[in-house]
Amino acid sequence: MGSKGKTTTGWRQRYFVETHDGFKKRVDVHLLRGRMKKTTDGSLLAMLSKSKHGKWVWTIVDSKYGFYNPIEHTTFERYESDVMVAHLAKLRLEGYQIDGEVPTW
């Protein structure tokens, strides 16, 4: 019997794009690791980081469709990074501002 070490091998690596449609149109791009978890109250938790070597934090990622600041979420697999860059370019042309640099794996 071997002990299972703490490794991230086999975890799904994805990009998490958060679009804010309020008065200030902006886009946040995070790295998403593993699978999202559903809590007892029905909200979704995801392990997010702002950079490859940054701190991973469990964050509530439910879509919030409010009147003043609706938020939409899109996920892209690691192999779809070209599709994500094209999606971000389209959002820039629509007037969205991307905060900081886009993280990469």
PDB file of N, CA and C in Angstrom:
ATOM      1  N   MET A   1       0.829  -1.177   0.000  1.00  0.00           N
ATOM      2  CA  MET A   1       0.000   0.000   0.000  1.00  0.00           C
ATOM      3  C   MET A   1       0.875   1.242   0.000  1.00  0.00           C
ATOM      4  N   GLY A   2       0.701   2.053  -1.002  1.00  0.00           N
ATOM      5  CA  GLY A   2       1.443   3.308  -1.061  1.00  0.00           C
ATOM      6  C   GLY A   2       0.571   4.462  -0.617  1.00  0.00           C
ATOM      7  N   SER A   3       1.229   5.475  -0.142  1.00  0.00           N
ATOM      8  CA  SER A   3       0.463   6.650   0.264  1.00  0.00           C
ATOM      9  C   SER A   3       0.314   7.585  -0.931  1.00  0.00           C
ATOM     10  N   LYS A   4      -0.796   8.223  -0.992  1.00  0.00           N
ATOM     11  CA  LYS A   4      -1.074   9.119  -2.098  1.00  0.00           C
ATOM     12  C   LYS A   4      -0.519  10.496  -1.751  1.00  0.00           C
ATOM     13  N   GLY A   5       0.447  10.940  -2.506  1.00  0.00           N
ATOM     14  CA  GLY A   5       1.038  12.251  -2.258  1.00  0.00           C
ATOM     15  C   GLY A   5       0.173  13.367  -2.808  1.00  0.00           C
ATOM     16  N   LYS A   6       0.456  14.561  -2.359  1.00  0.00           N
ATOM     17  CA  LYS A   6      -0.295  15.715  -2.850  1.00  0.00           C
ATOM     18  C   LYS A   6       0.286  16.138  -4.194  1.00  0.00           C
ATOM     19  N   THR A   7      -0.435  15.850  -5.239  1.00  0.00           N
ATOM     20  CA  THR A   7       0.011  16.186  -6.575  1.00  0.00           C
ATOM     21  C   THR A   7      -1.149  16.768  -7.360  1.00  0.00           C
ATOM     22  N   THR A   8      -0.830  17.575  -8.344  1.00  0.00           N
ATOM     23  CA  THR A   8      -1.876  18.162  -9.182  1.00  0.00           C
ATOM     24  C   THR A   8      -1.952  17.468 -10.527  1.00  0.00           C
ATOM     25  N   THR A   9      -1.232  16.378 -10.700  1.00  0.00           N
ATOM     26  CA  THR A   9      -1.265  15.650 -11.957  1.00  0.00           C
ATOM     27  C   THR A   9      -2.666  15.120 -12.210  1.00  0.00           C
ATOM     28  N   GLY A  10      -3.159  15.347 -13.384  1.00  0.00           N
ATOM     29  CA  GLY A  10      -4.479  14.873 -13.720  1.00  0.00           C
ATOM     30  C   GLY A  10      -5.582  15.871 -13.440  1.00  0.00           C
ATOM     31  N   TRP A  11      -5.272  16.988 -12.799  1.00  0.00           N
ATOM     32  CA  TRP A  11      -6.296  17.995 -12.561  1.00  0.00           C
ATOM     33  C   TRP A  11      -6.604  18.704 -13.864  1.00  0.00           C
ATOM     34  N   ARG A  12      -7.854  19.075 -14.035  1.00  0.00           N
ATOM     35  CA  ARG A  12      -8.233  19.825 -15.224  1.00  0.00           C
ATOM     36  C   ARG A  12      -7.725  21.249 -15.089  1.00  0.00           C
ATOM     37  N   GLN A  13      -7.111  21.725 -16.134  1.00  0.00           N
ATOM     38  CA  GLN A  13      -6.597  23.091 -16.148  1.00  0.00           C
ATOM     39  C   GLN A  13      -7.408  23.896 -17.148  1.00  0.00           C
ATOM     40  N   ARG A  14      -8.065  24.934 -16.638  1.00  0.00           N
ATOM     41  CA  ARG A  14      -8.949  25.731 -17.475  1.00  0.00           C
ATOM     42  C   ARG A  14      -8.766  27.206 -17.176  1.00  0.00           C
ATOM     43  N   TYR A  15      -9.276  28.003 -18.090  1.00  0.00           N
ATOM     44  CA  TYR A  15      -9.327  29.448 -17.899  1.00  0.00           C
ATOM     45  C   TYR A  15     -10.748  29.822 -17.510  1.00  0.00           C
ATOM     46  N   PHE A  16     -10.882  30.778 -16.601  1.00  0.00           N
ATOM     47  CA  PHE A  16     -12.177  31.232 -16.117  1.00  0.00           C
ATOM     48  C   PHE A  16     -12.301  32.712 -16.467  1.00  0.00           C
ATOM     49  N   VAL A  17     -13.190  33.036 -17.404  1.00  0.00           N
ATOM     50  CA  VAL A  17     -13.361  34.410 -17.873  1.00  0.00           C
ATOM     51  C   VAL A  17     -14.636  34.969 -17.261  1.00  0.00           C
ATOM     52  N   GLU A  18     -14.495  36.075 -16.533  1.00  0.00           N
ATOM     53  CA  GLU A  18     -15.606  36.705 -15.836  1.00  0.00           C
ATOM     54  C   GLU A  18     -15.876  38.060 -16.492  1.00  0.00           C
ATOM     55  N   THR A  19     -17.063  38.232 -17.062  1.00  0.00           N
ATOM     56  CA  THR A  19     -17.427  39.444 -17.779  1.00  0.00           C
ATOM     57  C   THR A  19     -18.393  40.265 -16.936  1.00  0.00           C
ATOM     58  N   HIS A  20     -18.008  41.515 -16.630  1.00  0.00           N
ATOM     59  CA  HIS A  20     -18.837  42.436 -15.855  1.00  0.00           C
ATOM     60  C   HIS A  20     -19.472  43.432 -16.819  1.00  0.00           C
ATOM     61  N   ASP A  21     -20.793  43.473 -16.839  1.00  0.00           N
ATOM     62  CA  ASP A  21     -21.513  44.337 -17.781  1.00  0.00           C
ATOM     63  C   ASP A  21     -22.112  45.561 -17.119  1.00  0.00           C
ATOM     64  N   GLY A  22     -21.548  46.048 -16.052  1.00  0.00           N
ATOM     65  CA  GLY A  22     -22.110  47.202 -15.356  1.00  0.00           C
ATOM     66  C   GLY A  22     -21.764  48.495 -16.059  1.00  0.00           C
ATOM     67  N   PHE A  23     -21.678  49.575 -15.272  1.00  0.00           N
ATOM     68  CA  PHE A  23     -21.345  50.876 -15.833  1.00  0.00           C
ATOM     69  C   PHE A  23     -19.928  50.868 -16.408  1.00  0.00           C
ATOM     70  N   LYS A  24     -19.032  50.146 -15.755  1.00  0.00           N
ATOM     71  CA  LYS A  24     -17.659  49.997 -16.241  1.00  0.00           C
ATOM     72  C   LYS A  24     -17.536  48.583 -16.787  1.00  0.00           C
ATOM     73  N   LYS A  25     -17.473  48.449 -18.102  1.00  0.00           N
ATOM     74  CA  LYS A  25     -17.376  47.124 -18.722  1.00  0.00           C
ATOM     75  C   LYS A  25     -15.948  46.607 -18.555  1.00  0.00           C
ATOM     76  N   ARG A  26     -15.812  45.486 -17.858  1.00  0.00           N
ATOM     77  CA  ARG A  26     -14.474  44.920 -17.673  1.00  0.00           C
ATOM     78  C   ARG A  26     -14.529  43.403 -17.693  1.00  0.00           C
ATOM     79  N   VAL A  27     -13.360  42.820 -17.904  1.00  0.00           N
ATOM     80  CA  VAL A  27     -13.213  41.369 -17.980  1.00  0.00           C
ATOM     81  C   VAL A  27     -12.075  40.954 -17.056  1.00  0.00           C
ATOM     82  N   ASP A  28     -12.304  39.937 -16.234  1.00  0.00           N
ATOM     83  CA  ASP A  28     -11.264  39.348 -15.392  1.00  0.00           C
ATOM     84  C   ASP A  28     -11.009  37.931 -15.890  1.00  0.00           C
ATOM     85  N   VAL A  29      -9.729  37.576 -16.022  1.00  0.00           N
ATOM     86  CA  VAL A  29      -9.360  36.226 -16.458  1.00  0.00           C
ATOM     87  C   VAL A  29      -8.569  35.578 -15.333  1.00  0.00           C
ATOM     88  N   HIS A  30      -9.020  34.396 -14.900  1.00  0.00           N
ATOM     89  CA  HIS A  30      -8.359  33.642 -13.838  1.00  0.00           C
ATOM     90  C   HIS A  30      -8.022  32.249 -14.355  1.00  0.00           C
ATOM     91  N   LEU A  31      -7.108  31.599 -13.665  1.00  0.00           N
ATOM     92  CA  LEU A  31      -6.846  30.188 -13.933  1.00  0.00           C
ATOM     93  C   LEU A  31      -7.778  29.372 -13.050  1.00  0.00           C
ATOM     94  N   LEU A  32      -8.394  28.375 -13.618  1.00  0.00           N
ATOM     95  CA  LEU A  32      -9.327  27.502 -12.900  1.00  0.00           C
ATOM     96  C   LEU A  32      -8.701  26.123 -12.821  1.00  0.00           C
ATOM     97  N   ARG A  33      -8.628  25.588 -11.622  1.00  0.00           N
ATOM     98  CA  ARG A  33      -7.973  24.297 -11.426  1.00  0.00           C
ATOM     99  C   ARG A  33      -8.967  23.291 -10.863  1.00  0.00           C
ATOM    100  N   GLY A  34      -8.927  22.098 -11.387  1.00  0.00           N
ATOM    101  CA  GLY A  34      -9.793  21.047 -10.873  1.00  0.00           C
ATOM    102  C   GLY A  34     -11.231  21.217 -11.316  1.00  0.00           C
ATOM    103  N   ARG A  35     -12.117  20.670 -10.515  1.00  0.00           N
ATOM    104  CA  ARG A  35     -13.546  20.731 -10.821  1.00  0.00           C
ATOM    105  C   ARG A  35     -14.236  21.673  -9.846  1.00  0.00           C
ATOM    106  N   MET A  36     -15.331  22.249 -10.303  1.00  0.00           N
ATOM    107  CA  MET A  36     -16.126  23.096  -9.423  1.00  0.00           C
ATOM    108  C   MET A  36     -16.922  22.210  -8.477  1.00  0.00           C
ATOM    109  N   LYS A  37     -17.177  22.722  -7.273  1.00  0.00           N
ATOM    110  CA  LYS A  37     -17.946  21.976  -6.276  1.00  0.00           C
ATOM    111  C   LYS A  37     -19.231  22.720  -5.957  1.00  0.00           C
ATOM    112  N   LYS A  38     -20.261  21.977  -5.715  1.00  0.00           N
ATOM    113  CA  LYS A  38     -21.542  22.565  -5.337  1.00  0.00           C
ATOM    114  C   LYS A  38     -21.684  22.485  -3.824  1.00  0.00           C
ATOM    115  N   THR A  39     -22.020  23.610  -3.196  1.00  0.00           N
ATOM    116  CA  THR A  39     -22.189  23.640  -1.750  1.00  0.00           C
ATOM    117  C   THR A  39     -23.614  23.251  -1.386  1.00  0.00           C
ATOM    118  N   THR A  40     -23.873  23.159  -0.093  1.00  0.00           N
ATOM    119  CA  THR A  40     -25.197  22.753   0.368  1.00  0.00           C
ATOM    120  C   THR A  40     -26.277  23.774   0.025  1.00  0.00           C
ATOM    121  N   ASP A  41     -25.912  25.050  -0.082  1.00  0.00           N
ATOM    122  CA  ASP A  41     -26.921  26.059  -0.418  1.00  0.00           C
ATOM    123  C   ASP A  41     -27.079  26.254  -1.929  1.00  0.00           C
ATOM    124  N   GLY A  42     -26.378  25.455  -2.726  1.00  0.00           N
ATOM    125  CA  GLY A  42     -26.556  25.481  -4.175  1.00  0.00           C
ATOM    126  C   GLY A  42     -25.581  26.345  -4.935  1.00  0.00           C
ATOM    127  N   SER A  43     -24.685  27.061  -4.267  1.00  0.00           N
ATOM    128  CA  SER A  43     -23.711  27.892  -4.978  1.00  0.00           C
ATOM    129  C   SER A  43     -22.519  27.044  -5.427  1.00  0.00           C
ATOM    130  N   LEU A  44     -21.797  27.549  -6.409  1.00  0.00           N
ATOM    131  CA  LEU A  44     -20.636  26.836  -6.945  1.00  0.00           C
ATOM    132  C   LEU A  44     -19.342  27.424  -6.398  1.00  0.00           C
ATOM    133  N   LEU A  45     -18.414  26.549  -6.044  1.00  0.00           N
ATOM    134  CA  LEU A  45     -17.082  26.951  -5.605  1.00  0.00           C
ATOM    135  C   LEU A  45     -16.068  26.482  -6.637  1.00  0.00           C
ATOM    136  N   ALA A  46     -15.071  27.325  -6.902  1.00  0.00           N
ATOM    137  CA  ALA A  46     -14.009  26.958  -7.829  1.00  0.00           C
ATOM    138  C   ALA A  46     -12.674  27.413  -7.253  1.00  0.00           C
ATOM    139  N   MET A  47     -11.622  26.662  -7.556  1.00  0.00           N
ATOM    140  CA  MET A  47     -10.290  27.035  -7.118  1.00  0.00           C
ATOM    141  C   MET A  47      -9.680  27.925  -8.198  1.00  0.00           C
ATOM    142  N   LEU A  48      -9.497  29.218  -7.883  1.00  0.00           N
ATOM    143  CA  LEU A  48      -9.035  30.194  -8.855  1.00  0.00           C
ATOM    144  C   LEU A  48      -7.707  30.800  -8.435  1.00  0.00           C
ATOM    145  N   SER A  49      -6.935  31.230  -9.444  1.00  0.00           N
ATOM    146  CA  SER A  49      -5.686  31.940  -9.219  1.00  0.00           C
ATOM    147  C   SER A  49      -5.542  33.007 -10.295  1.00  0.00           C
ATOM    148  N   LYS A  50      -4.869  34.115  -9.955  1.00  0.00           N
ATOM    149  CA  LYS A  50      -4.661  35.182 -10.929  1.00  0.00           C
ATOM    150  C   LYS A  50      -3.392  34.995 -11.745  1.00  0.00           C
ATOM    151  N   SER A  51      -2.516  34.079 -11.322  1.00  0.00           N
ATOM    152  CA  SER A  51      -1.296  33.802 -12.083  1.00  0.00           C
ATOM    153  C   SER A  51      -0.898  32.345 -11.884  1.00  0.00           C
ATOM    154  N   LYS A  52      -0.002  31.875 -12.740  1.00  0.00           N
ATOM    155  CA  LYS A  52       0.399  30.468 -12.707  1.00  0.00           C
ATOM    156  C   LYS A  52       1.017  30.078 -11.359  1.00  0.00           C
ATOM    157  N   HIS A  53       1.812  30.970 -10.792  1.00  0.00           N
ATOM    158  CA  HIS A  53       2.482  30.670  -9.533  1.00  0.00           C
ATOM    159  C   HIS A  53       1.829  31.393  -8.360  1.00  0.00           C
ATOM    160  N   GLY A  54       0.611  31.880  -8.559  1.00  0.00           N
ATOM    161  CA  GLY A  54      -0.099  32.598  -7.512  1.00  0.00           C
ATOM    162  C   GLY A  54      -0.763  31.664  -6.521  1.00  0.00           C
ATOM    163  N   LYS A  55      -1.416  32.270  -5.560  1.00  0.00           N
ATOM    164  CA  LYS A  55      -2.106  31.511  -4.525  1.00  0.00           C
ATOM    165  C   LYS A  55      -3.459  31.047  -5.061  1.00  0.00           C
ATOM    166  N   TRP A  56      -3.787  29.779  -4.831  1.00  0.00           N
ATOM    167  CA  TRP A  56      -5.068  29.213  -5.243  1.00  0.00           C
ATOM    168  C   TRP A  56      -6.064  29.414  -4.117  1.00  0.00           C
ATOM    169  N   VAL A  57      -7.223  29.982  -4.463  1.00  0.00           N
ATOM    170  CA  VAL A  57      -8.236  30.320  -3.462  1.00  0.00           C
ATOM    171  C   VAL A  57      -9.584  29.767  -3.906  1.00  0.00           C
ATOM    172  N   TRP A  58     -10.305  29.134  -2.965  1.00  0.00           N
ATOM    173  CA  TRP A  58     -11.673  28.697  -3.257  1.00  0.00           C
ATOM    174  C   TRP A  58     -12.559  29.938  -3.291  1.00  0.00           C
ATOM    175  N   THR A  59     -13.286  30.122  -4.397  1.00  0.00           N
ATOM    176  CA  THR A  59     -14.094  31.318  -4.608  1.00  0.00           C
ATOM    177  C   THR A  59     -15.488  30.913  -5.071  1.00  0.00           C
ATOM    178  N   ILE A  60     -16.514  31.629  -4.597  1.00  0.00           N
ATOM    179  CA  ILE A  60     -17.874  31.401  -5.074  1.00  0.00           C
ATOM    180  C   ILE A  60     -17.983  32.022  -6.460  1.00  0.00           C
ATOM    181  N   VAL A  61     -18.438  31.234  -7.455  1.00  0.00           N
ATOM    182  CA  VAL A  61     -18.440  31.689  -8.846  1.00  0.00           C
ATOM    183  C   VAL A  61     -19.823  31.652  -9.491  1.00  0.00           C
ATOM    184  N   ASP A  62     -20.870  31.796  -8.704  1.00  0.00           N
ATOM    185  CA  ASP A  62     -22.209  31.813  -9.281  1.00  0.00           C
ATOM    186  C   ASP A  62     -22.389  33.035 -10.169  1.00  0.00           C
ATOM    187  N   SER A  63     -23.147  32.891 -11.224  1.00  0.00           N
ATOM    188  CA  SER A  63     -23.479  34.023 -12.075  1.00  0.00           C
ATOM    189  C   SER A  63     -24.466  34.915 -11.339  1.00  0.00           C
ATOM    190  N   LYS A  64     -24.178  36.202 -11.364  1.00  0.00           N
ATOM    191  CA  LYS A  64     -25.045  37.172 -10.699  1.00  0.00           C
ATOM    192  C   LYS A  64     -25.629  38.072 -11.767  1.00  0.00           C
ATOM    193  N   TYR A  65     -26.906  37.983 -11.956  1.00  0.00           N
ATOM    194  CA  TYR A  65     -27.573  38.803 -12.956  1.00  0.00           C
ATOM    195  C   TYR A  65     -28.362  39.895 -12.252  1.00  0.00           C
ATOM    196  N   GLY A  66     -27.650  40.910 -11.799  1.00  0.00           N
ATOM    197  CA  GLY A  66     -28.311  42.039 -11.165  1.00  0.00           C
ATOM    198  C   GLY A  66     -28.549  43.150 -12.183  1.00  0.00           C
ATOM    199  N   PHE A  67     -29.249  44.186 -11.765  1.00  0.00           N
ATOM    200  CA  PHE A  67     -29.551  45.291 -12.675  1.00  0.00           C
ATOM    201  C   PHE A  67     -28.313  46.144 -12.931  1.00  0.00           C
ATOM    202  N   TYR A  68     -27.525  46.403 -11.887  1.00  0.00           N
ATOM    203  CA  TYR A  68     -26.399  47.314 -12.029  1.00  0.00           C
ATOM    204  C   TYR A  68     -25.108  46.637 -12.456  1.00  0.00           C
ATOM    205  N   ASN A  69     -24.903  45.389 -12.090  1.00  0.00           N
ATOM    206  CA  ASN A  69     -23.633  44.738 -12.408  1.00  0.00           C
ATOM    207  C   ASN A  69     -23.849  43.267 -12.749  1.00  0.00           C
ATOM    208  N   PRO A  70     -24.440  42.974 -13.916  1.00  0.00           N
ATOM    209  CA  PRO A  70     -24.580  41.561 -14.285  1.00  0.00           C
ATOM    210  C   PRO A  70     -23.210  40.947 -14.590  1.00  0.00           C
ATOM    211  N   ILE A  71     -23.004  39.719 -14.131  1.00  0.00           N
ATOM    212  CA  ILE A  71     -21.728  39.025 -14.330  1.00  0.00           C
ATOM    213  C   ILE A  71     -21.997  37.717 -15.048  1.00  0.00           C
ATOM    214  N   GLU A  72     -21.228  37.455 -16.103  1.00  0.00           N
ATOM    215  CA  GLU A  72     -21.325  36.189 -16.819  1.00  0.00           C
ATOM    216  C   GLU A  72     -19.986  35.479 -16.751  1.00  0.00           C
ATOM    217  N   HIS A  73     -20.023  34.144 -16.707  1.00  0.00           N
ATOM    218  CA  HIS A  73     -18.804  33.340 -16.629  1.00  0.00           C
ATOM    219  C   HIS A  73     -18.699  32.419 -17.834  1.00  0.00           C
ATOM    220  N   THR A  74     -17.482  32.274 -18.327  1.00  0.00           N
ATOM    221  CA  THR A  74     -17.188  31.348 -19.406  1.00  0.00           C
ATOM    222  C   THR A  74     -15.917  30.600 -19.035  1.00  0.00           C
ATOM    223  N   THR A  75     -15.869  29.306 -19.310  1.00  0.00           N
ATOM    224  CA  THR A  75     -14.647  28.541 -19.056  1.00  0.00           C
ATOM    225  C   THR A  75     -14.094  28.029 -20.384  1.00  0.00           C
ATOM    226  N   PHE A  76     -12.785  27.984 -20.455  1.00  0.00           N
ATOM    227  CA  PHE A  76     -12.079  27.464 -21.624  1.00  0.00           C
ATOM    228  C   PHE A  76     -11.066  26.443 -21.147  1.00  0.00           C
ATOM    229  N   GLU A  77     -10.976  25.331 -21.837  1.00  0.00           N
ATOM    230  CA  GLU A  77      -9.965  24.320 -21.523  1.00  0.00           C
ATOM    231  C   GLU A  77      -8.587  24.854 -21.897  1.00  0.00           C
ATOM    232  N   ARG A  78      -7.561  24.218 -21.355  1.00  0.00           N
ATOM    233  CA  ARG A  78      -6.200  24.671 -21.612  1.00  0.00           C
ATOM    234  C   ARG A  78      -5.858  24.623 -23.103  1.00  0.00           C
ATOM    235  N   TYR A  79      -6.313  23.596 -23.801  1.00  0.00           N
ATOM    236  CA  TYR A  79      -6.010  23.475 -25.223  1.00  0.00           C
ATOM    237  C   TYR A  79      -6.808  24.465 -26.070  1.00  0.00           C
ATOM    238  N   GLU A  80      -7.784  25.145 -25.485  1.00  0.00           N
ATOM    239  CA  GLU A  80      -8.583  26.136 -26.196  1.00  0.00           C
ATOM    240  C   GLU A  80      -8.083  27.559 -25.974  1.00  0.00           C
ATOM    241  N   SER A  81      -6.810  27.728 -25.639  1.00  0.00           N
ATOM    242  CA  SER A  81      -6.312  29.062 -25.324  1.00  0.00           C
ATOM    243  C   SER A  81      -6.410  30.005 -26.521  1.00  0.00           C
ATOM    244  N   ASP A  82      -6.257  29.490 -27.746  1.00  0.00           N
ATOM    245  CA  ASP A  82      -6.398  30.344 -28.928  1.00  0.00           C
ATOM    246  C   ASP A  82      -7.833  30.846 -29.072  1.00  0.00           C
ATOM    247  N   VAL A  83      -8.786  29.995 -28.766  1.00  0.00           N
ATOM    248  CA  VAL A  83     -10.196  30.381 -28.824  1.00  0.00           C
ATOM    249  C   VAL A  83     -10.483  31.445 -27.763  1.00  0.00           C
ATOM    250  N   MET A  84      -9.878  31.291 -26.576  1.00  0.00           N
ATOM    251  CA  MET A  84     -10.073  32.266 -25.510  1.00  0.00           C
ATOM    252  C   MET A  84      -9.491  33.617 -25.895  1.00  0.00           C
ATOM    253  N   VAL A  85      -8.304  33.630 -26.488  1.00  0.00           N
ATOM    254  CA  VAL A  85      -7.687  34.885 -26.913  1.00  0.00           C
ATOM    255  C   VAL A  85      -8.550  35.574 -27.968  1.00  0.00           C
ATOM    256  N   ALA A  86      -9.135  34.809 -28.874  1.00  0.00           N
ATOM    257  CA  ALA A  86     -10.038  35.386 -29.880  1.00  0.00           C
ATOM    258  C   ALA A  86     -11.293  35.943 -29.200  1.00  0.00           C
ATOM    259  N   HIS A  87     -11.817  35.244 -28.201  1.00  0.00           N
ATOM    260  CA  HIS A  87     -12.983  35.711 -27.455  1.00  0.00           C
ATOM    261  C   HIS A  87     -12.669  37.031 -26.737  1.00  0.00           C
ATOM    262  N   LEU A  88     -11.480  37.112 -26.126  1.00  0.00           N
ATOM    263  CA  LEU A  88     -11.076  38.340 -25.429  1.00  0.00           C
ATOM    264  C   LEU A  88     -10.879  39.490 -26.409  1.00  0.00           C
ATOM    265  N   ALA A  89     -10.342  39.198 -27.599  1.00  0.00           N
ATOM    266  CA  ALA A  89     -10.176  40.241 -28.619  1.00  0.00           C
ATOM    267  C   ALA A  89     -11.538  40.786 -29.044  1.00  0.00           C
ATOM    268  N   LYS A  90     -12.512  39.899 -29.179  1.00  0.00           N
ATOM    269  CA  LYS A  90     -13.875  40.321 -29.533  1.00  0.00           C
ATOM    270  C   LYS A  90     -14.457  41.215 -28.440  1.00  0.00           C
ATOM    271  N   LEU A  91     -14.235  40.846 -27.175  1.00  0.00           N
ATOM    272  CA  LEU A  91     -14.732  41.656 -26.067  1.00  0.00           C
ATOM    273  C   LEU A  91     -14.060  43.030 -26.032  1.00  0.00           C
ATOM    274  N   ARG A  92     -12.768  43.076 -26.351  1.00  0.00           N
ATOM    275  CA  ARG A  92     -12.069  44.371 -26.410  1.00  0.00           C
ATOM    276  C   ARG A  92     -12.672  45.273 -27.466  1.00  0.00           C
ATOM    277  N   LEU A  93     -13.008  44.690 -28.631  1.00  0.00           N
ATOM    278  CA  LEU A  93     -13.627  45.475 -29.694  1.00  0.00           C
ATOM    279  C   LEU A  93     -15.011  45.984 -29.297  1.00  0.00           C
ATOM    280  N   GLU A  94     -15.677  45.276 -28.390  1.00  0.00           N
ATOM    281  CA  GLU A  94     -16.986  45.697 -27.914  1.00  0.00           C
ATOM    282  C   GLU A  94     -16.895  46.723 -26.788  1.00  0.00           C
ATOM    283  N   GLY A  95     -15.670  47.104 -26.396  1.00  0.00           N
ATOM    284  CA  GLY A  95     -15.494  48.150 -25.389  1.00  0.00           C
ATOM    285  C   GLY A  95     -15.172  47.662 -23.994  1.00  0.00           C
ATOM    286  N   TYR A  96     -14.916  46.377 -23.804  1.00  0.00           N
ATOM    287  CA  TYR A  96     -14.571  45.850 -22.493  1.00  0.00           C
ATOM    288  C   TYR A  96     -13.103  46.124 -22.200  1.00  0.00           C
ATOM    289  N   GLN A  97     -12.802  46.335 -20.925  1.00  0.00           N
ATOM    290  CA  GLN A  97     -11.446  46.577 -20.481  1.00  0.00           C
ATOM    291  C   GLN A  97     -10.964  45.348 -19.720  1.00  0.00           C
ATOM    292  N   ILE A  98      -9.803  44.830 -20.081  1.00  0.00           N
ATOM    293  CA  ILE A  98      -9.260  43.639 -19.418  1.00  0.00           C
ATOM    294  C   ILE A  98      -8.285  44.108 -18.344  1.00  0.00           C
ATOM    295  N   ASP A  99      -8.565  43.732 -17.092  1.00  0.00           N
ATOM    296  CA  ASP A  99      -7.725  44.137 -15.977  1.00  0.00           C
ATOM    297  C   ASP A  99      -6.473  43.277 -15.913  1.00  0.00           C
ATOM    298  N   GLY A 100      -5.305  43.903 -16.002  1.00  0.00           N
ATOM    299  CA  GLY A 100      -4.043  43.180 -15.912  1.00  0.00           C
ATOM    300  C   GLY A 100      -3.758  42.335 -17.129  1.00  0.00           C
ATOM    301  N   GLU A 101      -2.809  41.434 -17.001  1.00  0.00           N
ATOM    302  CA  GLU A 101      -2.436  40.548 -18.097  1.00  0.00           C
ATOM    303  C   GLU A 101      -3.246  39.259 -18.023  1.00  0.00           C
ATOM    304  N   VAL A 102      -3.357  38.611 -19.155  1.00  0.00           N
ATOM    305  CA  VAL A 102      -4.053  37.337 -19.219  1.00  0.00           C
ATOM    306  C   VAL A 102      -3.097  36.245 -18.744  1.00  0.00           C
ATOM    307  N   PRO A 103      -3.436  35.485 -17.695  1.00  0.00           N
ATOM    308  CA  PRO A 103      -2.532  34.445 -17.210  1.00  0.00           C
ATOM    309  C   PRO A 103      -2.469  33.272 -18.185  1.00  0.00           C
ATOM    310  N   THR A 104      -1.355  32.580 -18.176  1.00  0.00           N
ATOM    311  CA  THR A 104      -1.188  31.403 -19.029  1.00  0.00           C
ATOM    312  C   THR A 104      -0.653  30.260 -18.191  1.00  0.00           C
ATOM    313  N   TRP A 105      -0.850  29.062 -18.675  1.00  0.00           N
ATOM    314  CA  TRP A 105      -0.341  27.880 -17.985  1.00  0.00           C
ATOM    315  C   TRP A 105       1.076  27.642 -18.370  1.00  0.00           C
TER     316      TRP A 105
END
